[in-house]
Amino acid sequence: MIVKRGSTTSLKVIIFLIGIAVFTLCIYWMPVLTIKDVEAHPGRDYSLYPLLVCAYGICITFSFTLYQVYKLLTYIERNNAFSELSLKSLKVIKKCAFTAIFFIVLMIISLKVISIITGDDAAGPISISLIGIFATSILIAIVDVLLKPLKNFLDKNRYNFIIKFPTVEYKNDNRTYS
Protein backbone atom coordinates (compact mmCIF):
# COMPACT_ATOMS: atom_id res chain seq x y z
CA MET A 1 0.00 0.00 0.00
CA ILE A 2 1.66 3.16 -1.18
CA VAL A 3 0.42 6.34 0.47
CA LYS A 4 1.05 9.75 -0.97
CA ARG A 5 3.35 11.67 1.29
CA GLY A 6 1.35 14.90 0.96
CA SER A 7 -1.83 13.53 2.52
CA THR A 8 -0.13 12.21 5.64
CA THR A 9 2.04 15.31 5.91
CA SER A 10 -1.01 17.59 5.81
CA LEU A 11 -2.70 15.49 8.50
CA LYS A 12 0.45 15.67 10.60
CA VAL A 13 0.52 19.46 10.27
CA ILE A 14 -3.16 19.66 11.31
CA ILE A 15 -2.48 17.42 14.33
CA PHE A 16 0.53 19.56 15.25
CA LEU A 17 -1.57 22.74 15.06
CA ILE A 18 -4.30 21.19 17.20
CA GLY A 19 -1.61 20.18 19.69
CA ILE A 20 -0.32 23.76 19.83
CA ALA A 21 -3.89 24.98 20.44
CA VAL A 22 -4.37 22.50 23.31
CA PHE A 23 -1.00 23.46 24.76
CA THR A 24 -1.94 27.16 24.59
CA LEU A 25 -5.27 26.38 26.24
CA CYS A 26 -3.55 24.58 29.12
CA ILE A 27 -0.70 27.03 29.65
CA TYR A 28 -2.38 30.37 29.02
CA TRP A 29 -6.17 30.39 28.79
CA MET A 30 -7.21 28.15 31.66
CA PRO A 31 -5.08 29.97 34.27
CA VAL A 32 -6.26 33.37 32.98
CA LEU A 33 -9.91 32.29 33.10
CA THR A 34 -9.42 30.82 36.56
CA ILE A 35 -7.92 34.07 37.88
CA LYS A 36 -10.77 36.09 36.34
CA ASP A 37 -13.38 33.76 37.88
CA VAL A 38 -11.76 33.94 41.32
CA GLU A 39 -11.66 37.76 41.12
CA ALA A 40 -15.28 37.91 39.95
CA HIS A 41 -16.58 35.53 42.63
CA PRO A 42 -14.49 35.96 45.78
CA GLY A 43 -16.96 34.01 47.91
CA ARG A 44 -16.43 30.74 46.05
CA ASP A 45 -13.72 29.04 47.94
CA TYR A 46 -12.34 25.92 46.24
CA SER A 47 -15.24 24.77 44.11
CA LEU A 48 -13.37 25.53 40.88
CA TYR A 49 -10.46 23.16 41.52
CA PRO A 50 -12.23 19.86 40.71
CA LEU A 51 -13.28 21.35 37.36
CA LEU A 52 -9.70 22.43 36.68
CA VAL A 53 -8.37 18.97 37.51
CA CYS A 54 -10.88 17.43 35.11
CA ALA A 55 -10.12 19.99 32.39
CA TYR A 56 -6.37 19.43 32.66
CA GLY A 57 -6.93 15.65 32.71
CA ILE A 58 -8.93 15.87 29.50
CA CYS A 59 -6.30 18.11 27.88
CA ILE A 60 -3.44 15.78 28.81
CA THR A 61 -5.37 12.76 27.58
CA PHE A 62 -6.23 14.56 24.35
CA SER A 63 -2.59 15.56 23.83
CA PHE A 64 -1.44 11.98 24.34
CA THR A 65 -4.08 10.82 21.85
CA LEU A 66 -2.82 13.36 19.31
CA TYR A 67 0.71 12.01 19.79
CA GLN A 68 -0.50 8.45 19.16
CA VAL A 69 -2.37 9.54 16.02
CA TYR A 70 0.83 11.28 14.86
CA LYS A 71 2.75 8.03 15.40
CA LEU A 72 0.07 6.09 13.53
CA LEU A 73 0.35 8.46 10.58
CA THR A 74 4.12 7.96 10.63
CA TYR A 75 3.61 4.18 10.44
CA ILE A 76 1.21 4.64 7.53
CA GLU A 77 3.68 6.93 5.79
CA ARG A 78 6.42 4.32 6.10
CA ASN A 79 4.11 1.61 4.67
CA ASN A 80 3.98 -0.02 8.07
CA ALA A 81 0.24 0.40 8.62
CA PHE A 82 -0.47 -3.30 9.17
CA SER A 83 1.93 -3.89 12.03
CA GLU A 84 1.98 -4.56 15.74
CA LEU A 85 3.00 -0.93 16.29
CA SER A 86 -0.17 0.32 14.61
CA LEU A 87 -2.22 -2.10 16.66
CA LYS A 88 -0.56 -0.83 19.84
CA SER A 89 -1.21 2.81 18.89
CA LEU A 90 -4.88 2.11 18.23
CA LYS A 91 -5.21 0.36 21.60
CA VAL A 92 -3.62 3.34 23.36
CA ILE A 93 -5.99 5.71 21.53
CA LYS A 94 -8.92 3.61 22.74
CA LYS A 95 -7.65 3.69 26.34
CA CYS A 96 -7.17 7.46 26.12
CA ALA A 97 -10.76 7.84 24.92
CA PHE A 98 -12.04 5.88 27.92
CA THR A 99 -9.88 8.04 30.19
CA ALA A 100 -11.37 11.18 28.65
CA ILE A 101 -14.87 9.83 29.27
CA PHE A 102 -13.88 9.18 32.89
CA PHE A 103 -12.73 12.80 33.32
CA ILE A 104 -15.89 14.09 31.63
CA VAL A 105 -18.05 12.05 34.02
CA LEU A 106 -16.06 13.45 36.96
CA MET A 107 -16.64 16.93 35.55
CA ILE A 108 -20.40 16.30 35.32
CA ILE A 109 -20.43 15.11 38.94
CA SER A 110 -18.47 18.20 40.03
CA LEU A 111 -20.82 20.48 38.10
CA LYS A 112 -23.84 18.84 39.68
CA VAL A 113 -22.41 19.20 43.19
CA ILE A 114 -21.48 22.85 42.57
CA SER A 115 -24.95 23.57 41.16
CA ILE A 116 -26.58 22.03 44.25
CA ILE A 117 -24.38 24.06 46.60
CA THR A 118 -24.72 27.38 44.76
CA GLY A 119 -28.25 26.96 43.49
CA ASP A 120 -27.18 27.68 39.90
CA ASP A 121 -28.47 25.75 36.92
CA ALA A 122 -25.79 23.56 35.34
CA ALA A 123 -27.91 22.14 32.53
CA GLY A 124 -25.91 23.84 29.76
CA PRO A 125 -22.43 22.66 30.80
CA ILE A 126 -23.75 19.20 31.63
CA SER A 127 -25.39 18.85 28.21
CA ILE A 128 -22.17 19.98 26.50
CA SER A 129 -20.30 17.37 28.58
CA LEU A 130 -22.76 14.70 27.47
CA ILE A 131 -22.12 15.71 23.86
CA GLY A 132 -18.40 15.25 24.59
CA ILE A 133 -19.08 11.74 25.91
CA PHE A 134 -21.11 10.97 22.79
CA ALA A 135 -18.33 12.21 20.48
CA THR A 136 -15.71 10.23 22.39
CA SER A 137 -17.91 7.13 22.19
CA ILE A 138 -18.04 7.55 18.42
CA LEU A 139 -14.23 7.70 18.40
CA ILE A 140 -14.11 4.47 20.43
CA ALA A 141 -16.44 2.78 17.94
CA ILE A 142 -14.29 3.91 14.99
CA VAL A 143 -11.12 2.63 16.67
CA ASP A 144 -12.85 -0.68 17.39
CA VAL A 145 -13.84 -0.97 13.73
CA LEU A 146 -10.19 -0.37 12.77
CA LEU A 147 -8.82 -2.70 15.45
CA LYS A 148 -10.75 -5.84 14.53
CA PRO A 149 -9.60 -6.25 10.91
CA LEU A 150 -6.05 -5.24 11.82
CA LYS A 151 -5.93 -7.78 14.63
CA ASN A 152 -7.38 -10.50 12.34
CA PHE A 153 -4.84 -9.65 9.63
CA LEU A 154 -1.94 -9.85 12.07
CA ASP A 155 -3.24 -13.12 13.55
CA LYS A 156 -3.55 -14.69 10.09
CA ASN A 157 -0.04 -13.62 9.18
CA ARG A 158 1.30 -14.88 12.49
CA TYR A 159 -0.22 -18.37 12.07
CA ASN A 160 0.23 -18.70 8.33
CA PHE A 161 3.88 -17.75 8.39
CA ILE A 162 5.82 -20.62 6.83
CA ILE A 163 9.54 -20.44 6.31
CA LYS A 164 10.39 -21.58 2.83
CA PHE A 165 13.99 -22.24 2.06
CA PRO A 166 15.05 -21.60 -1.51
CA THR A 167 15.80 -24.70 -3.52
CA VAL A 168 18.84 -24.76 -5.67
CA GLU A 169 18.73 -26.57 -8.95
CA TYR A 170 21.86 -27.28 -10.88
CA LYS A 171 21.42 -27.64 -14.61
CA ASN A 172 23.82 -29.64 -16.71
CA ASP A 173 25.30 -31.20 -13.64
CA ASN A 174 24.98 -34.94 -13.10
CA ARG A 175 26.61 -35.01 -9.69
CA THR A 176 24.63 -35.76 -6.57
CA TYR A 177 25.04 -33.54 -3.56
CA SER A 178 24.23 -34.78 -0.12
Foldseek 3Di string as FASTA:
>chain_A
DADDPVVLVVVLVVLVVVLVVLVCCLPPVVVVVVVVVCVVCVPDDCLCPLVNVLSVQLSVLVNVLSVLVNVCSVCVNVVNNLDVSVLVSLVSNLVSLVSNLVSLVSNLVSLVVVCVVVVNDCPVVNVVSVVSNVVSVVVNVVSVVVNVVSVVVVVCCVVVDDDDDDDDDDPPDPDDDD
